[in-house]
């Protein structure tokens, strides 16, 4: 998925599901690919299945939080992102920034930025996604992050 070939990744993860059966890694990968493709409802369902099977997996919790955040479900997203941050011991900048964004959205009653800022998902290492302003760093810069 790092190359941005999300449809190909989705096909590969679907084959993995057929070969390996229902595993949290497969559900998380399918959910993350759908998240990248903007299929938020599908991403949410798949990531919930991954989290149900592996409730202490920070990356899956983070990505589920992002799927919820993108759908305007900031209160629920904050719960998952807070748990991901705690389980990660605060080591992931991406998870921390996602939690901050959820908290900002909760403080803003209409869940929109006053200045109309648009946001994009950027993939970081280890299958972790981060939400950032569309005017922020490019995906190439994100790939250079440790």
Protein backbone atom coordinates (compact mmCIF):
# COMPACT_ATOMS: atom_id res chain seq x y z
CA UNK A 1 0.00 0.00 0.00
CA UNK A 2 2.97 2.29 0.47
CA UNK A 3 3.10 2.74 -3.32
CA UNK A 4 -0.47 4.01 -3.35
CA UNK A 5 -1.84 0.97 -5.18
CA UNK A 6 -4.81 0.54 -2.87
CA UNK A 7 -7.02 -1.44 -5.28
CA UNK A 8 -4.19 -3.93 -5.85
CA UNK A 9 -3.60 -4.11 -2.12
CA UNK A 10 -7.31 -4.72 -1.58
CA UNK A 11 -7.20 -7.63 -4.04
CA UNK A 12 -4.15 -9.10 -2.28
CA UNK A 13 -5.74 -8.78 1.16
CA UNK A 14 -8.95 -10.37 -0.13
CA UNK A 15 -6.92 -13.34 -1.39
CA UNK A 16 -5.21 -13.51 2.00
CA UNK A 17 -8.61 -13.64 3.67
CA UNK A 18 -9.66 -16.52 1.41
CA UNK A 19 -6.41 -18.39 2.09
CA UNK A 20 -5.86 -17.62 5.78
CA UNK A 21 -9.38 -17.05 7.02
CA UNK A 22 -10.55 -14.33 9.39
CA UNK A 23 -7.50 -12.93 11.14
CA UNK A 24 -7.12 -9.50 12.73
CA UNK A 25 -4.18 -8.64 10.44
CA UNK A 26 -6.26 -9.38 7.35
CA UNK A 27 -9.26 -7.38 8.58
CA UNK A 28 -6.98 -4.48 9.53
CA UNK A 29 -5.28 -4.53 6.14
CA UNK A 30 -8.61 -4.69 4.29
CA UNK A 31 -9.95 -1.88 6.45
CA UNK A 32 -6.87 0.28 5.94
CA UNK A 33 -7.02 -0.19 2.16
CA UNK A 34 -10.69 0.81 2.17
CA UNK A 35 -9.84 3.79 4.37
CA UNK A 36 -7.28 4.92 1.80
CA UNK A 37 -9.88 4.56 -0.95
CA UNK A 38 -12.38 6.66 0.97
CA UNK A 39 -14.74 3.75 1.57
CA UNK A 40 -15.33 4.78 5.13
CA UNK A 41 -18.27 2.54 6.00
CA UNK A 42 -16.47 -0.58 4.77
CA UNK A 43 -13.27 0.51 6.47
CA UNK A 44 -15.11 1.03 9.75
CA UNK A 45 -16.75 -2.42 9.62
CA UNK A 46 -13.50 -4.22 8.81
CA UNK A 47 -11.45 -2.29 11.37
CA UNK A 48 -14.06 -2.98 14.04
CA UNK A 49 -13.67 -6.70 13.31
CA UNK A 50 -9.89 -6.38 13.65
CA UNK A 51 -10.23 -4.50 16.95
CA UNK A 52 -12.78 -7.02 18.26
CA UNK A 53 -10.25 -9.79 17.61
CA UNK A 54 -7.18 -7.85 18.78
CA UNK A 55 -8.37 -5.12 21.18
CA UNK A 56 -4.87 -4.01 22.24
CA UNK A 57 -3.47 -3.30 18.76
CA UNK A 58 -2.67 0.44 18.55
CA UNK A 59 -2.49 0.61 14.74
CA UNK A 60 -5.93 -0.96 14.25
CA UNK A 61 -7.41 1.25 16.98
CA UNK A 62 -5.85 4.32 15.35
CA UNK A 63 -7.15 3.48 11.90
CA UNK A 64 -10.64 2.73 13.25
CA UNK A 65 -10.52 6.09 15.01
CA UNK A 66 -9.64 7.78 11.72
CA UNK A 67 -12.46 6.04 9.86
CA UNK A 68 -14.86 7.30 12.52
CA UNK A 69 -13.32 10.78 12.52
CA UNK A 70 -13.68 11.04 8.75
CA UNK A 71 -17.39 10.24 9.16
CA UNK A 72 -17.84 12.99 11.75
CA UNK A 73 -18.08 10.57 14.70
CA UNK A 74 -15.55 12.50 16.76
CA UNK A 75 -16.70 11.34 20.21
CA UNK A 76 -16.38 7.66 19.35
CA UNK A 77 -13.17 8.28 17.41
CA UNK A 78 -11.64 10.00 20.43
CA UNK A 79 -12.23 6.89 22.56
CA UNK A 80 -10.39 4.62 20.12
CA UNK A 81 -7.60 7.11 19.51
CA UNK A 82 -7.10 7.68 23.23
CA UNK A 83 -6.81 3.90 23.74
CA UNK A 84 -4.37 3.59 20.81
CA UNK A 85 -2.26 6.40 22.25
CA UNK A 86 -2.19 4.78 25.70
CA UNK A 87 -1.29 1.33 24.34
CA UNK A 88 1.42 2.89 22.16
CA UNK A 89 2.84 4.66 25.24
CA UNK A 90 2.64 7.94 23.33
CA UNK A 91 5.46 6.89 20.99
CA UNK A 92 3.65 7.47 17.69
CA UNK A 93 3.49 11.07 16.53
CA UNK A 94 0.76 10.10 14.07
CA UNK A 95 -1.49 8.60 16.76
CA UNK A 96 -0.88 11.60 19.04
CA UNK A 97 -1.74 14.04 16.26
CA UNK A 98 -4.88 12.08 15.37
CA UNK A 99 -6.01 12.19 18.99
CA UNK A 100 -5.39 15.94 19.07
CA UNK A 101 -7.47 16.38 15.93
CA UNK A 102 -10.35 14.37 17.44
CA UNK A 103 -10.22 16.50 20.59
CA UNK A 104 -10.25 19.67 18.46
CA UNK A 105 -13.29 18.40 16.59
CA UNK A 106 -15.07 17.68 19.88
CA UNK A 107 -14.40 21.22 21.07
CA UNK A 108 -15.84 22.66 17.86
CA UNK A 109 -19.60 22.17 18.14
CA UNK A 110 -20.27 21.99 14.40
CA UNK A 111 -17.28 19.65 13.75
CA UNK A 112 -15.84 21.89 11.05
CA UNK A 113 -12.91 24.22 11.05
CA UNK A 114 -13.71 27.89 11.26
CA UNK A 115 -11.37 28.54 8.35
CA UNK A 116 -12.77 25.68 6.21
CA UNK A 117 -9.52 23.72 6.23
CA UNK A 118 -9.65 20.45 4.27
CA UNK A 119 -7.98 17.32 5.63
CA UNK A 120 -6.36 14.28 4.01
CA UNK A 121 -5.23 10.87 5.22
CA UNK A 122 -1.50 10.19 5.00
CA UNK A 123 0.00 6.74 5.52
CA UNK A 124 2.98 6.44 7.84
CA UNK A 125 5.10 3.38 8.52
CA UNK A 126 3.65 0.27 10.11
CA UNK A 127 0.16 0.74 8.69
CA UNK A 128 -0.55 3.83 10.77
CA UNK A 129 -2.52 6.63 9.16
CA UNK A 130 -2.54 10.27 10.12
CA UNK A 131 -5.02 13.01 9.37
CA UNK A 132 -3.50 16.33 8.39
CA UNK A 133 -4.49 19.50 6.65
CA UNK A 134 -4.49 19.35 2.87
CA UNK A 135 -1.90 22.13 2.92
CA UNK A 136 0.39 20.10 5.21
CA UNK A 137 3.28 17.79 4.36
CA UNK A 138 3.01 15.62 1.27
CA UNK A 139 2.75 11.84 1.36
CA UNK A 140 6.38 11.67 0.21
CA UNK A 141 7.47 13.66 3.24
CA UNK A 142 5.35 11.39 5.42
CA UNK A 143 7.11 8.30 4.05
CA UNK A 144 10.41 9.78 5.18
CA UNK A 145 9.19 9.91 8.79
CA UNK A 146 10.66 7.25 11.09
